[in-house]
Amino acid sequence: MVTIDCADPVALASFYGELLGWETRHADDHFAILDNPEGGSPLGFGRVTGYRPEPWTEPDGSKHFHLDFYVDDLDEATAKALALGATEPAYQHGRTLRVLIDPAGHPFGLAPLE
């Protein structure tokens, strides 16, 4: 399982659950788990007091840890993520991967399933 640090595990699990169509296995003030309906690795969300997200890119262009998700329709998935509270940074790395920032400040990517 990959666990994402955040200030509010329930809220962030809700965001990713809605975006990806994954089911909540567990959610409380300290930890939440989403199950991948296709049987892949679950996602965990752990509360960290005083959590502050890292920026997507540093001035020198270096990146930080992020997750990429394959989607059937890139534009549709992007619109859904934005409607759920994600933001789109000005800097993008290319045309086949759309980088977004989740409501807790984590970067993630959406890519077409081609």
PDB file of N, CA and C in Angstrom:
ATOM      1  N   MET A   1       0.845  -1.173   0.000  1.00  0.00           N
ATOM      2  CA  MET A   1       0.000   0.000   0.000  1.00  0.00           C
ATOM      3  C   MET A   1       0.890   1.235   0.000  1.00  0.00           C
ATOM      4  N   VAL A   2       0.496   2.216  -0.784  1.00  0.00           N
ATOM      5  CA  VAL A   2       1.136   3.526  -0.764  1.00  0.00           C
ATOM      6  C   VAL A   2       0.303   4.399   0.160  1.00  0.00           C
ATOM      7  N   THR A   3       0.956   5.080   1.101  1.00  0.00           N
ATOM      8  CA  THR A   3       0.256   5.958   2.030  1.00  0.00           C
ATOM      9  C   THR A   3       0.656   7.397   1.769  1.00  0.00           C
ATOM     10  N   ILE A   4      -0.340   8.256   1.661  1.00  0.00           N
ATOM     11  CA  ILE A   4      -0.138   9.675   1.390  1.00  0.00           C
ATOM     12  C   ILE A   4      -0.361  10.445   2.685  1.00  0.00           C
ATOM     13  N   ASP A   5       0.627  11.242   3.085  1.00  0.00           N
ATOM     14  CA  ASP A   5       0.498  12.084   4.269  1.00  0.00           C
ATOM     15  C   ASP A   5      -0.430  13.255   3.962  1.00  0.00           C
ATOM     16  N   CYS A   6      -1.215  13.665   4.958  1.00  0.00           N
ATOM     17  CA  CYS A   6      -2.135  14.779   4.767  1.00  0.00           C
ATOM     18  C   CYS A   6      -2.655  15.252   6.121  1.00  0.00           C
ATOM     19  N   ALA A   7      -3.364  16.369   6.113  1.00  0.00           N
ATOM     20  CA  ALA A   7      -3.955  16.892   7.339  1.00  0.00           C
ATOM     21  C   ALA A   7      -5.318  16.265   7.632  1.00  0.00           C
ATOM     22  N   ASP A   8      -6.030  15.826   6.589  1.00  0.00           N
ATOM     23  CA  ASP A   8      -7.386  15.301   6.747  1.00  0.00           C
ATOM     24  C   ASP A   8      -7.566  14.044   5.892  1.00  0.00           C
ATOM     25  N   PRO A   9      -7.294  12.861   6.468  1.00  0.00           N
ATOM     26  CA  PRO A   9      -7.375  11.621   5.693  1.00  0.00           C
ATOM     27  C   PRO A   9      -8.753  11.337   5.099  1.00  0.00           C
ATOM     28  N   VAL A  10      -9.807  11.652   5.834  1.00  0.00           N
ATOM     29  CA  VAL A  10     -11.153  11.375   5.340  1.00  0.00           C
ATOM     30  C   VAL A  10     -11.453  12.220   4.103  1.00  0.00           C
ATOM     31  N   ALA A  11     -11.117  13.497   4.153  1.00  0.00           N
ATOM     32  CA  ALA A  11     -11.381  14.384   3.016  1.00  0.00           C
ATOM     33  C   ALA A  11     -10.570  13.980   1.792  1.00  0.00           C
ATOM     34  N   LEU A  12      -9.300  13.645   1.988  1.00  0.00           N
ATOM     35  CA  LEU A  12      -8.470  13.297   0.836  1.00  0.00           C
ATOM     36  C   LEU A  12      -8.876  11.942   0.261  1.00  0.00           C
ATOM     37  N   ALA A  13      -9.245  10.990   1.115  1.00  0.00           N
ATOM     38  CA  ALA A  13      -9.742   9.705   0.621  1.00  0.00           C
ATOM     39  C   ALA A  13     -11.036   9.903  -0.160  1.00  0.00           C
ATOM     40  N   SER A  14     -11.871  10.802   0.287  1.00  0.00           N
ATOM     41  CA  SER A  14     -13.115  11.095  -0.427  1.00  0.00           C
ATOM     42  C   SER A  14     -12.823  11.654  -1.819  1.00  0.00           C
ATOM     43  N   PHE A  15     -11.855  12.571  -1.912  1.00  0.00           N
ATOM     44  CA  PHE A  15     -11.467  13.140  -3.209  1.00  0.00           C
ATOM     45  C   PHE A  15     -11.024  12.042  -4.170  1.00  0.00           C
ATOM     46  N   TYR A  16     -10.063  11.223  -3.744  1.00  0.00           N
ATOM     47  CA  TYR A  16      -9.538  10.182  -4.633  1.00  0.00           C
ATOM     48  C   TYR A  16     -10.568   9.078  -4.887  1.00  0.00           C
ATOM     49  N   GLY A  17     -11.389   8.760  -3.900  1.00  0.00           N
ATOM     50  CA  GLY A  17     -12.431   7.762  -4.104  1.00  0.00           C
ATOM     51  C   GLY A  17     -13.413   8.186  -5.182  1.00  0.00           C
ATOM     52  N   GLU A  18     -13.838   9.447  -5.126  1.00  0.00           N
ATOM     53  CA  GLU A  18     -14.746   9.977  -6.146  1.00  0.00           C
ATOM     54  C   GLU A  18     -14.068  10.040  -7.509  1.00  0.00           C
ATOM     55  N   LEU A  19     -12.838  10.504  -7.536  1.00  0.00           N
ATOM     56  CA  LEU A  19     -12.119  10.656  -8.799  1.00  0.00           C
ATOM     57  C   LEU A  19     -11.884   9.315  -9.480  1.00  0.00           C
ATOM     58  N   LEU A  20     -11.449   8.325  -8.712  1.00  0.00           N
ATOM     59  CA  LEU A  20     -11.037   7.046  -9.280  1.00  0.00           C
ATOM     60  C   LEU A  20     -12.122   5.969  -9.257  1.00  0.00           C
ATOM     61  N   GLY A  21     -13.188   6.207  -8.504  1.00  0.00           N
ATOM     62  CA  GLY A  21     -14.220   5.186  -8.368  1.00  0.00           C
ATOM     63  C   GLY A  21     -13.812   4.054  -7.445  1.00  0.00           C
ATOM     64  N   TRP A  22     -12.935   4.345  -6.474  1.00  0.00           N
ATOM     65  CA  TRP A  22     -12.463   3.340  -5.532  1.00  0.00           C
ATOM     66  C   TRP A  22     -13.333   3.372  -4.280  1.00  0.00           C
ATOM     67  N   GLU A  23     -13.417   2.238  -3.603  1.00  0.00           N
ATOM     68  CA  GLU A  23     -14.257   2.091  -2.413  1.00  0.00           C
ATOM     69  C   GLU A  23     -13.464   2.351  -1.132  1.00  0.00           C
ATOM     70  N   THR A  24     -14.109   2.998  -0.180  1.00  0.00           N
ATOM     71  CA  THR A  24     -13.496   3.234   1.127  1.00  0.00           C
ATOM     72  C   THR A  24     -13.607   1.970   1.972  1.00  0.00           C
ATOM     73  N   ARG A  25     -12.464   1.450   2.382  1.00  0.00           N
ATOM     74  CA  ARG A  25     -12.438   0.295   3.285  1.00  0.00           C
ATOM     75  C   ARG A  25     -12.508   0.762   4.735  1.00  0.00           C
ATOM     76  N   HIS A  26     -11.809   1.858   5.026  1.00  0.00           N
ATOM     77  CA  HIS A  26     -11.722   2.370   6.394  1.00  0.00           C
ATOM     78  C   HIS A  26     -11.493   3.874   6.321  1.00  0.00           C
ATOM     79  N   ALA A  27     -12.096   4.619   7.243  1.00  0.00           N
ATOM     80  CA  ALA A  27     -11.857   6.061   7.321  1.00  0.00           C
ATOM     81  C   ALA A  27     -12.143   6.556   8.732  1.00  0.00           C
ATOM     82  N   ASP A  28     -11.138   7.173   9.340  1.00  0.00           N
ATOM     83  CA  ASP A  28     -11.326   7.860  10.608  1.00  0.00           C
ATOM     84  C   ASP A  28     -10.413   9.084  10.620  1.00  0.00           C
ATOM     85  N   ASP A  29     -10.369   9.789  11.736  1.00  0.00           N
ATOM     86  CA  ASP A  29      -9.595  11.029  11.801  1.00  0.00           C
ATOM     87  C   ASP A  29      -8.099  10.834  11.611  1.00  0.00           C
ATOM     88  N   HIS A  30      -7.608   9.611  11.761  1.00  0.00           N
ATOM     89  CA  HIS A  30      -6.170   9.359  11.693  1.00  0.00           C
ATOM     90  C   HIS A  30      -5.715   8.643  10.431  1.00  0.00           C
ATOM     91  N   PHE A  31      -6.596   7.837   9.832  1.00  0.00           N
ATOM     92  CA  PHE A  31      -6.168   7.053   8.678  1.00  0.00           C
ATOM     93  C   PHE A  31      -7.374   6.640   7.842  1.00  0.00           C
ATOM     94  N   ALA A  32      -7.176   6.583   6.537  1.00  0.00           N
ATOM     95  CA  ALA A  32      -8.218   6.102   5.626  1.00  0.00           C
ATOM     96  C   ALA A  32      -7.572   5.196   4.584  1.00  0.00           C
ATOM     97  N   ILE A  33      -8.350   4.236   4.093  1.00  0.00           N
ATOM     98  CA  ILE A  33      -7.865   3.303   3.073  1.00  0.00           C
ATOM     99  C   ILE A  33      -8.899   3.196   1.963  1.00  0.00           C
ATOM    100  N   LEU A  34      -8.428   3.301   0.717  1.00  0.00           N
ATOM    101  CA  LEU A  34      -9.263   3.061  -0.456  1.00  0.00           C
ATOM    102  C   LEU A  34      -8.812   1.775  -1.120  1.00  0.00           C
ATOM    103  N   ASP A  35      -9.771   0.959  -1.533  1.00  0.00           N
ATOM    104  CA  ASP A  35      -9.467  -0.271  -2.254  1.00  0.00           C
ATOM    105  C   ASP A  35      -9.677  -0.079  -3.746  1.00  0.00           C
ATOM    106  N   ASN A  36      -8.722  -0.573  -4.509  1.00  0.00           N
ATOM    107  CA  ASN A  36      -8.801  -0.560  -5.962  1.00  0.00           C
ATOM    108  C   ASN A  36      -9.763  -1.668  -6.385  1.00  0.00           C
ATOM    109  N   PRO A  37     -10.862  -1.340  -7.073  1.00  0.00           N
ATOM    110  CA  PRO A  37     -11.830  -2.368  -7.444  1.00  0.00           C
ATOM    111  C   PRO A  37     -11.286  -3.385  -8.447  1.00  0.00           C
ATOM    112  N   GLU A  38     -10.179  -3.066  -9.093  1.00  0.00           N
ATOM    113  CA  GLU A  38      -9.572  -3.996 -10.047  1.00  0.00           C
ATOM    114  C   GLU A  38      -8.531  -4.894  -9.384  1.00  0.00           C
ATOM    115  N   GLY A  39      -8.399  -4.772  -8.065  1.00  0.00           N
ATOM    116  CA  GLY A  39      -7.520  -5.662  -7.323  1.00  0.00           C
ATOM    117  C   GLY A  39      -6.098  -5.180  -7.150  1.00  0.00           C
ATOM    118  N   GLY A  40      -5.784  -3.989  -7.586  1.00  0.00           N
ATOM    119  CA  GLY A  40      -4.434  -3.465  -7.410  1.00  0.00           C
ATOM    120  C   GLY A  40      -4.192  -3.014  -5.982  1.00  0.00           C
ATOM    121  N   SER A  41      -3.072  -2.387  -5.773  1.00  0.00           N
ATOM    122  CA  SER A  41      -2.684  -1.919  -4.453  1.00  0.00           C
ATOM    123  C   SER A  41      -3.657  -0.859  -3.937  1.00  0.00           C
ATOM    124  N   PRO A  42      -4.013  -0.928  -2.653  1.00  0.00           N
ATOM    125  CA  PRO A  42      -4.853   0.111  -2.073  1.00  0.00           C
ATOM    126  C   PRO A  42      -4.059   1.394  -1.847  1.00  0.00           C
ATOM    127  N   LEU A  43      -4.782   2.474  -1.597  1.00  0.00           N
ATOM    128  CA  LEU A  43      -4.170   3.751  -1.229  1.00  0.00           C
ATOM    129  C   LEU A  43      -4.518   4.054   0.218  1.00  0.00           C
ATOM    130  N   GLY A  44      -3.531   4.484   0.991  1.00  0.00           N
ATOM    131  CA  GLY A  44      -3.753   4.895   2.363  1.00  0.00           C
ATOM    132  C   GLY A  44      -3.543   6.395   2.494  1.00  0.00           C
ATOM    133  N   PHE A  45      -4.188   6.976   3.484  1.00  0.00           N
ATOM    134  CA  PHE A  45      -4.077   8.407   3.753  1.00  0.00           C
ATOM    135  C   PHE A  45      -3.884   8.567   5.249  1.00  0.00           C
ATOM    136  N   GLY A  46      -2.727   9.097   5.654  1.00  0.00           N
ATOM    137  CA  GLY A  46      -2.396   9.202   7.064  1.00  0.00           C
ATOM    138  C   GLY A  46      -2.322  10.639   7.537  1.00  0.00           C
ATOM    139  N   ARG A  47      -2.920  10.902   8.686  1.00  0.00           N
ATOM    140  CA  ARG A  47      -2.928  12.248   9.261  1.00  0.00           C
ATOM    141  C   ARG A  47      -1.534  12.604   9.772  1.00  0.00           C
ATOM    142  N   VAL A  48      -1.072  13.786   9.395  1.00  0.00           N
ATOM    143  CA  VAL A  48       0.181  14.341   9.890  1.00  0.00           C
ATOM    144  C   VAL A  48      -0.135  15.745  10.403  1.00  0.00           C
ATOM    145  N   THR A  49       0.024  15.944  11.694  1.00  0.00           N
ATOM    146  CA  THR A  49      -0.238  17.253  12.280  1.00  0.00           C
ATOM    147  C   THR A  49       0.714  18.285  11.688  1.00  0.00           C
ATOM    148  N   GLY A  50       0.169  19.398  11.253  1.00  0.00           N
ATOM    149  CA  GLY A  50       0.982  20.463  10.672  1.00  0.00           C
ATOM    150  C   GLY A  50       1.466  20.164   9.267  1.00  0.00           C
ATOM    151  N   TYR A  51       0.827  19.214   8.583  1.00  0.00           N
ATOM    152  CA  TYR A  51       1.261  18.829   7.236  1.00  0.00           C
ATOM    153  C   TYR A  51       1.318  20.036   6.308  1.00  0.00           C
ATOM    154  N   ARG A  52       2.421  20.128   5.559  1.00  0.00           N
ATOM    155  CA  ARG A  52       2.586  21.154   4.521  1.00  0.00           C
ATOM    156  C   ARG A  52       3.070  20.454   3.257  1.00  0.00           C
ATOM    157  N   PRO A  53       2.373  20.632   2.152  1.00  0.00           N
ATOM    158  CA  PRO A  53       2.781  19.960   0.914  1.00  0.00           C
ATOM    159  C   PRO A  53       4.035  20.568   0.309  1.00  0.00           C
ATOM    160  N   GLU A  54       4.762  19.745  -0.428  1.00  0.00           N
ATOM    161  CA  GLU A  54       5.916  20.210  -1.189  1.00  0.00           C
ATOM    162  C   GLU A  54       5.420  20.821  -2.498  1.00  0.00           C
ATOM    163  N   PRO A  55       6.158  21.768  -3.061  1.00  0.00           N
ATOM    164  CA  PRO A  55       5.751  22.301  -4.369  1.00  0.00           C
ATOM    165  C   PRO A  55       5.949  21.242  -5.449  1.00  0.00           C
ATOM    166  N   TRP A  56       5.197  21.345  -6.545  1.00  0.00           N
ATOM    167  CA  TRP A  56       5.308  20.373  -7.637  1.00  0.00           C
ATOM    168  C   TRP A  56       6.701  20.378  -8.218  1.00  0.00           C
ATOM    169  N   THR A  57       7.236  21.527  -8.525  1.00  0.00           N
ATOM    170  CA  THR A  57       8.601  21.591  -9.050  1.00  0.00           C
ATOM    171  C   THR A  57       9.401  22.620  -8.276  1.00  0.00           C
ATOM    172  N   GLU A  58      10.672  22.369  -8.171  1.00  0.00           N
ATOM    173  CA  GLU A  58      11.593  23.316  -7.561  1.00  0.00           C
ATOM    174  C   GLU A  58      12.064  24.287  -8.646  1.00  0.00           C
ATOM    175  N   PRO A  59      12.635  25.424  -8.261  1.00  0.00           N
ATOM    176  CA  PRO A  59      13.145  26.364  -9.265  1.00  0.00           C
ATOM    177  C   PRO A  59      14.134  25.734 -10.246  1.00  0.00           C
ATOM    178  N   ASP A  60      14.857  24.698  -9.806  1.00  0.00           N
ATOM    179  CA  ASP A  60      15.814  24.051 -10.712  1.00  0.00           C
ATOM    180  C   ASP A  60      15.147  23.006 -11.611  1.00  0.00           C
ATOM    181  N   GLY A  61      13.818  22.840 -11.492  1.00  0.00           N
ATOM    182  CA  GLY A  61      13.097  21.900 -12.344  1.00  0.00           C
ATOM    183  C   GLY A  61      12.959  20.504 -11.776  1.00  0.00           C
ATOM    184  N   SER A  62      13.538  20.237 -10.597  1.00  0.00           N
ATOM    185  CA  SER A  62      13.429  18.898 -10.016  1.00  0.00           C
ATOM    186  C   SER A  62      12.011  18.664  -9.497  1.00  0.00           C
ATOM    187  N   LYS A  63      11.569  17.414  -9.537  1.00  0.00           N
ATOM    188  CA  LYS A  63      10.221  17.052  -9.120  1.00  0.00           C
ATOM    189  C   LYS A  63      10.261  16.298  -7.795  1.00  0.00           C
ATOM    190  N   HIS A  64       9.082  16.118  -7.233  1.00  0.00           N
ATOM    191  CA  HIS A  64       8.910  15.358  -6.004  1.00  0.00           C
ATOM    192  C   HIS A  64       8.055  14.133  -6.286  1.00  0.00           C
ATOM    193  N   PHE A  65       7.965  13.247  -5.313  1.00  0.00           N
ATOM    194  CA  PHE A  65       7.129  12.054  -5.417  1.00  0.00           C
ATOM    195  C   PHE A  65       5.712  12.437  -5.829  1.00  0.00           C
ATOM    196  N   HIS A  66       5.152  11.659  -6.730  1.00  0.00           N
ATOM    197  CA  HIS A  66       3.760  11.851  -7.127  1.00  0.00           C
ATOM    198  C   HIS A  66       3.216  10.544  -7.694  1.00  0.00           C
ATOM    199  N   LEU A  67       1.920  10.432  -7.767  1.00  0.00           N
ATOM    200  CA  LEU A  67       1.257   9.268  -8.343  1.00  0.00           C
ATOM    201  C   LEU A  67       0.703   9.633  -9.709  1.00  0.00           C
ATOM    202  N   ASP A  68       0.749   8.688 -10.644  1.00  0.00           N
ATOM    203  CA  ASP A  68       0.125   8.845 -11.952  1.00  0.00           C
ATOM    204  C   ASP A  68      -0.973   7.800 -12.076  1.00  0.00           C
ATOM    205  N   PHE A  69      -2.100   8.195 -12.640  1.00  0.00           N
ATOM    206  CA  PHE A  69      -3.233   7.295 -12.832  1.00  0.00           C
ATOM    207  C   PHE A  69      -3.609   7.274 -14.305  1.00  0.00           C
ATOM    208  N   TYR A  70      -3.825   6.078 -14.844  1.00  0.00           N
ATOM    209  CA  TYR A  70      -4.331   5.943 -16.209  1.00  0.00           C
ATOM    210  C   TYR A  70      -5.843   6.136 -16.199  1.00  0.00           C
ATOM    211  N   VAL A  71      -6.343   6.870 -17.191  1.00  0.00           N
ATOM    212  CA  VAL A  71      -7.776   7.145 -17.301  1.00  0.00           C
ATOM    213  C   VAL A  71      -8.238   6.874 -18.732  1.00  0.00           C
ATOM    214  N   ASP A  72      -9.518   6.565 -18.883  1.00  0.00           N
ATOM    215  CA  ASP A  72     -10.072   6.309 -20.212  1.00  0.00           C
ATOM    216  C   ASP A  72     -10.134   7.575 -21.059  1.00  0.00           C
ATOM    217  N   ASP A  73     -10.508   8.687 -20.443  1.00  0.00           N
ATOM    218  CA  ASP A  73     -10.671   9.954 -21.164  1.00  0.00           C
ATOM    219  C   ASP A  73      -9.973  11.054 -20.367  1.00  0.00           C
ATOM    220  N   LEU A  74      -8.867  11.549 -20.889  1.00  0.00           N
ATOM    221  CA  LEU A  74      -8.044  12.522 -20.164  1.00  0.00           C
ATOM    222  C   LEU A  74      -8.801  13.813 -19.872  1.00  0.00           C
ATOM    223  N   ASP A  75      -9.495  14.358 -20.858  1.00  0.00           N
ATOM    224  CA  ASP A  75     -10.218  15.615 -20.645  1.00  0.00           C
ATOM    225  C   ASP A  75     -11.351  15.453 -19.636  1.00  0.00           C
ATOM    226  N   GLU A  76     -12.069  14.345 -19.732  1.00  0.00           N
ATOM    227  CA  GLU A  76     -13.169  14.082 -18.798  1.00  0.00           C
ATOM    228  C   GLU A  76     -12.644  13.899 -17.374  1.00  0.00           C
ATOM    229  N   ALA A  77     -11.579  13.141 -17.208  1.00  0.00           N
ATOM    230  CA  ALA A  77     -11.006  12.917 -15.875  1.00  0.00           C
ATOM    231  C   ALA A  77     -10.443  14.211 -15.295  1.00  0.00           C
ATOM    232  N   THR A  78      -9.838  15.032 -16.145  1.00  0.00           N
ATOM    233  CA  THR A  78      -9.317  16.321 -15.681  1.00  0.00           C
ATOM    234  C   THR A  78     -10.449  17.212 -15.199  1.00  0.00           C
ATOM    235  N   ALA A  79     -11.520  17.294 -15.973  1.00  0.00           N
ATOM    236  CA  ALA A  79     -12.670  18.113 -15.587  1.00  0.00           C
ATOM    237  C   ALA A  79     -13.264  17.622 -14.268  1.00  0.00           C
ATOM    238  N   LYS A  80     -13.353  16.314 -14.104  1.00  0.00           N
ATOM    239  CA  LYS A  80     -13.889  15.745 -12.865  1.00  0.00           C
ATOM    240  C   LYS A  80     -12.999  16.095 -11.682  1.00  0.00           C
ATOM    241  N   ALA A  81     -11.685  15.945 -11.849  1.00  0.00           N
ATOM    242  CA  ALA A  81     -10.746  16.270 -10.767  1.00  0.00           C
ATOM    243  C   ALA A  81     -10.853  17.741 -10.378  1.00  0.00           C
ATOM    244  N   LEU A  82     -10.939  18.614 -11.364  1.00  0.00           N
ATOM    245  CA  LEU A  82     -11.062  20.045 -11.081  1.00  0.00           C
ATOM    246  C   LEU A  82     -12.373  20.349 -10.360  1.00  0.00           C
ATOM    247  N   ALA A  83     -13.460  19.697 -10.762  1.00  0.00           N
ATOM    248  CA  ALA A  83     -14.751  19.896 -10.102  1.00  0.00           C
ATOM    249  C   ALA A  83     -14.728  19.403  -8.653  1.00  0.00           C
ATOM    250  N   LEU A  84     -13.893  18.397  -8.374  1.00  0.00           N
ATOM    251  CA  LEU A  84     -13.777  17.853  -7.018  1.00  0.00           C
ATOM    252  C   LEU A  84     -12.826  18.662  -6.132  1.00  0.00           C
ATOM    253  N   GLY A  85     -12.148  19.660  -6.707  1.00  0.00           N
ATOM    254  CA  GLY A  85     -11.279  20.517  -5.901  1.00  0.00           C
ATOM    255  C   GLY A  85      -9.816  20.519  -6.257  1.00  0.00           C
ATOM    256  N   ALA A  86      -9.421  19.774  -7.283  1.00  0.00           N
ATOM    257  CA  ALA A  86      -8.019  19.811  -7.727  1.00  0.00           C
ATOM    258  C   ALA A  86      -7.748  21.137  -8.436  1.00  0.00           C
ATOM    259  N   THR A  87      -6.483  21.470  -8.556  1.00  0.00           N
ATOM    260  CA  THR A  87      -6.073  22.641  -9.331  1.00  0.00           C
ATOM    261  C   THR A  87      -5.043  22.196 -10.360  1.00  0.00           C
ATOM    262  N   GLU A  88      -4.891  23.003 -11.399  1.00  0.00           N
ATOM    263  CA  GLU A  88      -3.946  22.675 -12.462  1.00  0.00           C
ATOM    264  C   GLU A  88      -2.803  23.684 -12.444  1.00  0.00           C
ATOM    265  N   PRO A  89      -1.581  23.240 -12.164  1.00  0.00           N
ATOM    266  CA  PRO A  89      -0.455  24.171 -12.154  1.00  0.00           C
ATOM    267  C   PRO A  89      -0.150  24.659 -13.570  1.00  0.00           C
ATOM    268  N   ALA A  90       0.453  25.823 -13.657  1.00  0.00           N
ATOM    269  CA  ALA A  90       0.780  26.393 -14.966  1.00  0.00           C
ATOM    270  C   ALA A  90       1.797  25.535 -15.706  1.00  0.00           C
ATOM    271  N   TYR A  91       2.739  24.958 -14.960  1.00  0.00           N
ATOM    272  CA  TYR A  91       3.796  24.182 -15.613  1.00  0.00           C
ATOM    273  C   TYR A  91       3.345  22.746 -15.833  1.00  0.00           C
ATOM    274  N   GLN A  92       3.372  22.292 -17.075  1.00  0.00           N
ATOM    275  CA  GLN A  92       3.047  20.918 -17.441  1.00  0.00           C
ATOM    276  C   GLN A  92       4.255  20.316 -18.150  1.00  0.00           C
ATOM    277  N   HIS A  93       4.458  19.004 -17.977  1.00  0.00           N
ATOM    278  CA  HIS A  93       5.636  18.341 -18.549  1.00  0.00           C
ATOM    279  C   HIS A  93       5.436  17.822 -19.958  1.00  0.00           C
ATOM    280  N   GLY A  94       4.271  17.901 -20.489  1.00  0.00           N
ATOM    281  CA  GLY A  94       4.036  17.386 -21.835  1.00  0.00           C
ATOM    282  C   GLY A  94       2.559  17.300 -22.122  1.00  0.00           C
ATOM    283  N   ARG A  95       2.219  16.680 -23.239  1.00  0.00           N
ATOM    284  CA  ARG A  95       0.820  16.602 -23.650  1.00  0.00           C
ATOM    285  C   ARG A  95       0.128  15.316 -23.239  1.00  0.00           C
ATOM    286  N   THR A  96       0.875  14.268 -22.986  1.00  0.00           N
ATOM    287  CA  THR A  96       0.243  12.984 -22.677  1.00  0.00           C
ATOM    288  C   THR A  96       0.007  12.778 -21.192  1.00  0.00           C
ATOM    289  N   LEU A  97       0.557  13.617 -20.344  1.00  0.00           N
ATOM    290  CA  LEU A  97       0.350  13.529 -18.902  1.00  0.00           C
ATOM    291  C   LEU A  97      -0.150  14.876 -18.415  1.00  0.00           C
ATOM    292  N   ARG A  98      -1.289  14.874 -17.729  1.00  0.00           N
ATOM    293  CA  ARG A  98      -1.835  16.099 -17.162  1.00  0.00           C
ATOM    294  C   ARG A  98      -1.520  16.098 -15.683  1.00  0.00           C
ATOM    295  N   VAL A  99      -0.774  17.082 -15.227  1.00  0.00           N
ATOM    296  CA  VAL A  99      -0.428  17.196 -13.809  1.00  0.00           C
ATOM    297  C   VAL A  99      -1.462  18.078 -13.127  1.00  0.00           C
ATOM    298  N   LEU A 100      -1.966  17.595 -12.000  1.00  0.00           N
ATOM    299  CA  LEU A 100      -2.911  18.342 -11.186  1.00  0.00           C
ATOM    300  C   LEU A 100      -2.428  18.318  -9.744  1.00  0.00           C
ATOM    301  N   ILE A 101      -2.998  19.190  -8.933  1.00  0.00           N
ATOM    302  CA  ILE A 101      -2.677  19.256  -7.507  1.00  0.00           C
ATOM    303  C   ILE A 101      -3.955  18.927  -6.744  1.00  0.00           C
ATOM    304  N   ASP A 102      -3.894  17.912  -5.874  1.00  0.00           N
ATOM    305  CA  ASP A 102      -5.098  17.532  -5.129  1.00  0.00           C
ATOM    306  C   ASP A 102      -5.409  18.583  -4.058  1.00  0.00           C
ATOM    307  N   PRO A 103      -6.584  18.510  -3.410  1.00  0.00           N
ATOM    308  CA  PRO A 103      -6.960  19.524  -2.420  1.00  0.00           C
ATOM    309  C   PRO A 103      -5.997  19.661  -1.238  1.00  0.00           C
ATOM    310  N   ALA A 104      -5.180  18.645  -0.974  1.00  0.00           N
ATOM    311  CA  ALA A 104      -4.203  18.717   0.115  1.00  0.00           C
ATOM    312  C   ALA A 104      -2.853  19.241  -0.362  1.00  0.00           C
ATOM    313  N   GLY A 105      -2.710  19.489  -1.664  1.00  0.00           N
ATOM    314  CA  GLY A 105      -1.464  20.042  -2.190  1.00  0.00           C
ATOM    315  C   GLY A 105      -0.521  19.049  -2.832  1.00  0.00           C
ATOM    316  N   HIS A 106      -0.924  17.782  -2.960  1.00  0.00           N
ATOM    317  CA  HIS A 106      -0.070  16.769  -3.589  1.00  0.00           C
ATOM    318  C   HIS A 106      -0.216  16.805  -5.108  1.00  0.00           C
ATOM    319  N   PRO A 107       0.887  16.756  -5.827  1.00  0.00           N
ATOM    320  CA  PRO A 107       0.778  16.625  -7.275  1.00  0.00           C
ATOM    321  C   PRO A 107       0.404  15.187  -7.648  1.00  0.00           C
ATOM    322  N   PHE A 108      -0.355  15.047  -8.723  1.00  0.00           N
ATOM    323  CA  PHE A 108      -0.643  13.725  -9.282  1.00  0.00           C
ATOM    324  C   PHE A 108      -0.842  13.892 -10.775  1.00  0.00           C
ATOM    325  N   GLY A 109      -0.683  12.808 -11.493  1.00  0.00           N
ATOM    326  CA  GLY A 109      -0.808  12.866 -12.938  1.00  0.00           C
ATOM    327  C   GLY A 109      -1.947  12.005 -13.441  1.00  0.00           C
ATOM    328  N   LEU A 110      -2.553  12.454 -14.533  1.00  0.00           N
ATOM    329  CA  LEU A 110      -3.551  11.676 -15.252  1.00  0.00           C
ATOM    330  C   LEU A 110      -3.009  11.444 -16.649  1.00  0.00           C
ATOM    331  N   ALA A 111      -3.094  10.211 -17.114  1.00  0.00           N
ATOM    332  CA  ALA A 111      -2.582   9.870 -18.444  1.00  0.00           C
ATOM    333  C   ALA A 111      -3.596   8.985 -19.154  1.00  0.00           C
ATOM    334  N   PRO A 112      -3.717   9.137 -20.476  1.00  0.00           N
ATOM    335  CA  PRO A 112      -4.668   8.299 -21.214  1.00  0.00           C
ATOM    336  C   PRO A 112      -4.254   6.838 -21.211  1.00  0.00           C
ATOM    337  N   LEU A 113      -5.240   5.968 -21.152  1.00  0.00           N
ATOM    338  CA  LEU A 113      -5.016   4.525 -21.114  1.00  0.00           C
ATOM    339  C   LEU A 113      -4.884   3.987 -22.534  1.00  0.00           C
ATOM    340  N   GLU A 114      -3.885   4.427 -23.248  1.00  0.00           N
ATOM    341  CA  GLU A 114      -3.696   4.005 -24.645  1.00  0.00           C
ATOM    342  C   GLU A 114      -2.469   3.166 -24.780  1.00  0.00           C
TER     343      GLU A 114
END
